[in-house]
Amino acid sequence: MNRVLKSVKINSVRIDGDTQSRVDIDANWVSGIVDDLKNDIDYDPIEARFDGVHYWLTDGFHRYLANKQIGAKEIKVAYLPGTQFDAQIDSFSANSKHGKPRTRADKQKAVERALAHPQLQDKSNYEIAKICMVSQSFVAAVRDPAKKQKQAENVEKHFKNKGEPKENTSLTSSFNTTPSENTYEDCGPDEAELKANELALQADQDAMYQLLESDDALATAYEEIKRLNHLNGQLEVRINGLMNEKNEAIKLVKKLQKENDKLKAK
């Protein structure tokens, strides 16, 4: 459904419909917009739901208040038809892609309001996450605080395990194993390894969500970069080890082939 763009009387825009999902209005942010408007800098229209009488503001509270401060009589609104309830639901994802970035507290408030909303109480974590534009793990943590603690412990454990160098025993074992015709068969990952990779992937995804939803994302990103650099070093060592194993395997195959040729010659 496409929004309708229209200039309306600013006093016809309702801001008292419980459609504000931020924890606080940033007065400094409003002042910045006021300065821009006085210098003829354009902003995107505010967004609302129109029920035939009222325009229920869903996205653009800072812009609305800035226009009020400069004494604007009209304001541009991009609206969809809908009720006050529809406006409340729209507000749960407000500023997820533009405007003043939401804090973690803003996202938590939006999720809490969505979980308590009468039209959304039977929705799954996945559906709430889509409505609020956050991750499923974030919704799960808000719905059940015990899961939030568990997620934090899992991520911490995941980072710790990835940061610890593991002893590379495969190269040593390849020299200590007596060669046989089955030595290099069935070298694919077993079920336990696949499961471990799956769990590691999930932990990586949770870590990524925590990074994106962190109030101090830069510091979190820096720590993640350090961890990945360390992991990269470990992988390079492992790759070198595998290359050595490959070369030794080739030598062994050639040796066995020669012995096999000698036996055939006899």
Protein backbone atom coordinates (compact mmCIF):
# COMPACT_ATOMS: atom_id res chain seq x y z
CA MET A 1 0.00 0.00 0.00
CA ASN A 2 1.46 3.37 -1.06
CA ARG A 3 1.45 6.30 1.31
CA VAL A 4 -0.40 9.48 0.44
CA LEU A 5 1.65 12.67 0.70
CA LYS A 6 -0.27 15.71 1.86
CA SER A 7 0.26 19.02 3.66
CA VAL A 8 -2.09 19.19 6.62
CA LYS A 9 -2.71 21.59 9.48
CA ILE A 10 -0.16 20.73 12.13
CA ASN A 11 -2.80 20.84 14.86
CA SER A 12 -4.67 18.01 13.15
CA VAL A 13 -1.76 15.67 13.82
CA ARG A 14 -2.32 13.69 17.01
CA ILE A 15 0.67 12.82 19.21
CA ASP A 16 -1.32 11.59 22.21
CA GLY A 17 -2.26 8.16 20.86
CA ASP A 18 0.48 6.17 22.60
CA THR A 19 2.39 6.01 19.33
CA GLN A 20 5.80 7.12 20.66
CA SER A 21 8.11 4.15 21.18
CA ARG A 22 11.23 6.01 22.23
CA VAL A 23 12.20 6.23 25.87
CA ASP A 24 12.87 9.98 25.59
CA ILE A 25 12.64 12.87 23.15
CA ASP A 26 16.09 14.34 22.51
CA ALA A 27 15.79 18.12 22.95
CA ASN A 28 19.18 18.70 21.33
CA TRP A 29 18.11 16.70 18.28
CA VAL A 30 14.96 18.82 18.01
CA SER A 31 17.06 21.99 18.27
CA GLY A 32 19.28 20.77 15.44
CA ILE A 33 16.26 20.25 13.21
CA VAL A 34 14.93 23.71 14.16
CA ASP A 35 18.22 25.28 12.99
CA ASP A 36 18.05 23.33 9.73
CA LEU A 37 14.44 24.34 9.07
CA LYS A 38 15.33 28.00 9.65
CA ASN A 39 18.00 27.58 6.98
CA ASP A 40 15.47 26.10 4.53
CA ILE A 41 16.84 22.56 4.79
CA ASP A 42 14.14 20.06 3.88
CA TYR A 43 13.31 16.97 5.90
CA ASP A 44 11.31 13.90 4.96
CA PRO A 45 7.61 14.15 5.75
CA ILE A 46 6.39 12.73 9.02
CA GLU A 47 4.44 9.46 8.86
CA ALA A 48 0.98 8.80 10.22
CA ARG A 49 -2.20 6.74 10.05
CA PHE A 50 -5.38 8.56 9.03
CA ASP A 51 -8.69 7.29 10.41
CA GLY A 52 -10.81 9.80 8.51
CA VAL A 53 -10.62 12.42 11.24
CA HIS A 54 -7.21 12.30 12.90
CA TYR A 55 -3.67 11.83 11.69
CA TRP A 56 -2.01 9.60 14.31
CA LEU A 57 1.71 10.34 14.21
CA THR A 58 3.83 7.17 13.98
CA ASP A 59 7.28 8.33 12.87
CA GLY A 60 8.77 11.82 13.09
CA PHE A 61 8.17 13.15 16.61
CA HIS A 62 11.41 15.16 16.58
CA ARG A 63 10.49 16.69 13.20
CA TYR A 64 6.96 17.43 14.38
CA LEU A 65 8.17 19.20 17.54
CA ALA A 66 10.75 21.17 15.58
CA ASN A 67 8.04 22.41 13.21
CA LYS A 68 5.89 23.38 16.21
CA GLN A 69 8.80 25.36 17.66
CA ILE A 70 9.24 27.46 14.53
CA GLY A 71 5.52 28.15 14.46
CA ALA A 72 4.66 26.13 11.34
CA LYS A 73 0.93 26.03 10.59
CA GLU A 74 1.14 23.09 8.22
CA ILE A 75 3.35 20.03 7.91
CA LYS A 76 3.88 17.41 5.21
CA VAL A 77 2.51 13.99 6.15
CA ALA A 78 2.97 10.67 4.37
CA TYR A 79 0.02 8.65 5.63
CA LEU A 80 -1.77 5.36 5.30
CA PRO A 81 -5.41 4.76 6.17
CA GLY A 82 -5.74 3.07 9.54
CA THR A 83 -6.75 3.23 13.16
CA GLN A 84 -4.99 4.42 16.28
CA PHE A 85 -4.11 0.75 16.96
CA ASP A 86 -2.52 0.52 13.50
CA ALA A 87 -0.50 3.64 14.30
CA GLN A 88 0.73 2.10 17.54
CA ILE A 89 1.93 -1.00 15.71
CA ASP A 90 3.66 1.12 13.05
CA SER A 91 5.46 3.05 15.78
CA PHE A 92 7.22 -0.09 17.04
CA SER A 93 9.61 0.05 14.06
CA ALA A 94 9.90 3.84 13.80
CA ASN A 95 13.44 5.13 13.13
CA SER A 96 14.79 1.64 12.51
CA LYS A 97 16.20 2.77 9.15
CA HIS A 98 16.43 6.57 9.31
CA GLY A 99 16.42 9.57 11.63
CA LYS A 100 17.95 9.52 15.08
CA PRO A 101 19.19 5.95 15.71
CA ARG A 102 17.29 4.01 18.34
CA THR A 103 19.07 3.11 21.55
CA ARG A 104 18.91 -0.38 23.00
CA ALA A 105 16.44 1.00 25.56
CA ASP A 106 14.27 2.35 22.71
CA LYS A 107 14.22 -1.07 21.05
CA GLN A 108 13.39 -2.76 24.33
CA LYS A 109 10.50 -0.37 24.95
CA ALA A 110 9.15 -1.03 21.45
CA VAL A 111 9.31 -4.81 21.97
CA GLU A 112 7.71 -4.59 25.41
CA ARG A 113 4.86 -2.51 23.98
CA ALA A 114 4.45 -4.93 21.08
CA LEU A 115 4.30 -7.94 23.39
CA ALA A 116 1.63 -6.20 25.48
CA HIS A 117 -0.40 -4.92 22.52
CA PRO A 118 -3.88 -6.49 22.39
CA GLN A 119 -3.58 -7.23 18.67
CA LEU A 120 -0.17 -8.88 18.95
CA GLN A 121 -0.33 -11.03 22.07
CA ASP A 122 -0.46 -14.30 20.11
CA LYS A 123 2.45 -13.43 17.84
CA SER A 124 5.67 -15.43 17.82
CA ASN A 125 9.12 -14.02 18.52
CA TYR A 126 9.77 -14.08 14.77
CA GLU A 127 6.66 -12.04 14.01
CA ILE A 128 7.34 -9.53 16.80
CA ALA A 129 10.93 -9.19 15.59
CA LYS A 130 9.73 -8.33 12.07
CA ILE A 131 7.25 -5.77 13.41
CA CYS A 132 9.83 -4.08 15.67
CA MET A 133 12.76 -4.49 13.24
CA VAL A 134 14.99 -6.28 15.76
CA SER A 135 16.36 -9.82 16.02
CA GLN A 136 14.43 -12.84 17.28
CA SER A 137 17.00 -13.33 20.02
CA PHE A 138 16.38 -9.76 21.20
CA VAL A 139 12.62 -10.41 21.41
CA ALA A 140 13.21 -13.71 23.22
CA ALA A 141 15.39 -11.93 25.78
CA VAL A 142 12.75 -9.26 26.41
CA ARG A 143 9.97 -11.82 26.65
CA ASP A 144 12.00 -14.03 29.02
CA PRO A 145 14.79 -12.23 30.95
CA ALA A 146 16.32 -15.61 31.84
CA LYS A 147 17.04 -16.14 28.14
CA LYS A 148 18.82 -12.78 28.00
CA GLN A 149 21.23 -13.95 30.68
CA LYS A 150 21.67 -17.30 28.92
CA GLN A 151 22.38 -15.56 25.60
CA ALA A 152 25.03 -13.37 27.23
CA GLU A 153 26.68 -16.42 28.79
CA ASN A 154 26.63 -18.32 25.49
CA VAL A 155 28.14 -15.41 23.56
CA GLU A 156 30.83 -14.92 26.21
CA LYS A 157 31.61 -18.66 26.13
CA HIS A 158 31.63 -18.63 22.33
CA PHE A 159 34.13 -15.76 22.18
CA LYS A 160 36.31 -17.36 24.84
CA ASN A 161 36.40 -20.71 23.04
CA LYS A 162 37.15 -19.09 19.70
CA GLY A 163 39.92 -17.05 21.23
CA GLU A 164 41.75 -20.02 22.75
CA PRO A 165 44.28 -21.75 20.48
CA LYS A 166 43.56 -25.44 20.06
CA GLU A 167 46.32 -28.05 19.83
CA ASN A 168 46.73 -29.29 16.29
CA THR A 169 47.11 -33.04 16.72
CA SER A 170 46.05 -34.06 13.23
CA LEU A 171 49.48 -33.57 11.68
CA THR A 172 51.23 -35.57 14.42
CA SER A 173 48.70 -38.36 14.24
CA SER A 174 49.14 -38.64 10.48
CA PHE A 175 52.78 -39.64 11.01
CA ASN A 176 52.03 -42.02 13.88
CA THR A 177 49.26 -43.93 12.15
CA THR A 178 50.14 -47.15 10.35
CA PRO A 179 49.12 -46.75 6.70
CA SER A 180 46.37 -48.95 5.40
CA GLU A 181 44.08 -48.97 2.41
CA ASN A 182 41.41 -47.23 4.53
CA THR A 183 43.68 -44.54 6.00
CA TYR A 184 42.34 -41.73 3.80
CA GLU A 185 38.78 -42.92 3.43
CA ASP A 186 35.82 -41.37 5.23
CA CYS A 187 37.61 -38.08 5.91
CA GLY A 188 34.45 -35.95 5.69
CA PRO A 189 32.97 -34.19 8.73
CA ASP A 190 31.11 -36.47 11.10
CA GLU A 191 27.74 -35.73 12.70
CA ALA A 192 29.31 -34.28 15.84
CA GLU A 193 31.43 -31.86 13.80
CA LEU A 194 28.43 -30.74 11.75
CA LYS A 195 26.46 -30.13 14.94
CA ALA A 196 29.36 -28.15 16.41
CA ASN A 197 29.53 -26.02 13.25
CA GLU A 198 25.79 -25.39 13.44
CA LEU A 199 26.07 -24.26 17.07
CA ALA A 200 29.05 -22.06 16.22
CA LEU A 201 27.07 -20.43 13.40
CA GLN A 202 24.16 -19.72 15.75
CA ALA A 203 26.53 -18.22 18.30
CA ASP A 204 28.06 -16.04 15.58
CA GLN A 205 24.59 -14.83 14.61
CA ASP A 206 23.73 -14.03 18.23
CA ALA A 207 27.01 -12.17 18.54
CA MET A 208 26.22 -10.18 15.41
CA TYR A 209 22.78 -9.25 16.74
CA GLN A 210 24.31 -8.12 20.02
CA LEU A 211 26.77 -6.00 18.09
CA LEU A 212 24.03 -4.35 16.04
CA GLU A 213 21.88 -3.77 19.12
CA SER A 214 24.66 -2.60 21.41
CA ASP A 215 24.55 0.96 22.76
CA ASP A 216 28.33 1.12 22.27
CA ALA A 217 28.52 -0.64 18.94
CA LEU A 218 31.95 0.79 18.05
CA ALA A 219 33.63 -0.67 21.12
CA THR A 220 31.88 -3.99 20.58
CA ALA A 221 32.94 -4.00 16.92
CA TYR A 222 36.56 -3.33 17.91
CA GLU A 223 36.58 -6.33 20.26
CA GLU A 224 35.02 -8.47 17.55
CA ILE A 225 37.69 -7.38 15.04
CA LYS A 226 40.44 -8.35 17.49
CA ARG A 227 38.81 -11.76 17.99
CA LEU A 228 38.46 -12.33 14.24
CA ASN A 229 42.09 -11.34 13.62
CA HIS A 230 43.16 -13.87 16.24
CA LEU A 231 40.92 -16.51 14.70
CA ASN A 232 42.33 -15.74 11.26
CA GLY A 233 45.83 -16.41 12.57
CA GLN A 234 44.69 -19.76 13.96
CA LEU A 235 43.10 -20.68 10.64
CA GLU A 236 46.28 -19.83 8.73
CA VAL A 237 48.24 -22.17 11.01
CA ARG A 238 45.62 -24.87 10.48
CA ILE A 239 45.69 -24.38 6.69
CA ASN A 240 49.48 -24.73 6.67
CA GLY A 241 49.11 -27.91 8.70
CA LEU A 242 46.58 -29.30 6.24
CA MET A 243 48.84 -28.50 3.31
CA ASN A 244 51.66 -30.41 5.00
CA GLU A 245 49.30 -33.34 5.61
CA LYS A 246 48.28 -33.24 1.94
CA ASN A 247 51.90 -33.33 0.78
CA GLU A 248 52.68 -36.23 3.10
CA ALA A 249 49.58 -38.07 1.87
CA ILE A 250 50.69 -37.62 -1.75
CA LYS A 251 54.13 -38.99 -0.93
CA LEU A 252 52.56 -41.97 0.85
CA VAL A 253 50.23 -42.72 -2.07
CA LYS A 254 53.15 -42.62 -4.52
CA LYS A 255 55.16 -44.94 -2.29
CA LEU A 256 52.26 -47.39 -2.01
CA GLN A 257 51.71 -47.21 -5.75
CA LYS A 258 55.34 -48.14 -6.39
CA GLU A 259 55.08 -51.07 -3.95
CA ASN A 260 51.88 -52.16 -5.66
CA ASP A 261 53.56 -52.01 -9.08
CA LYS A 262 56.44 -54.17 -7.78
CA LEU A 263 54.01 -56.76 -6.44
CA LYS A 264 52.19 -56.89 -9.77
CA ALA A 265 55.52 -57.30 -11.59
CA LYS A 266 56.28 -60.40 -9.50
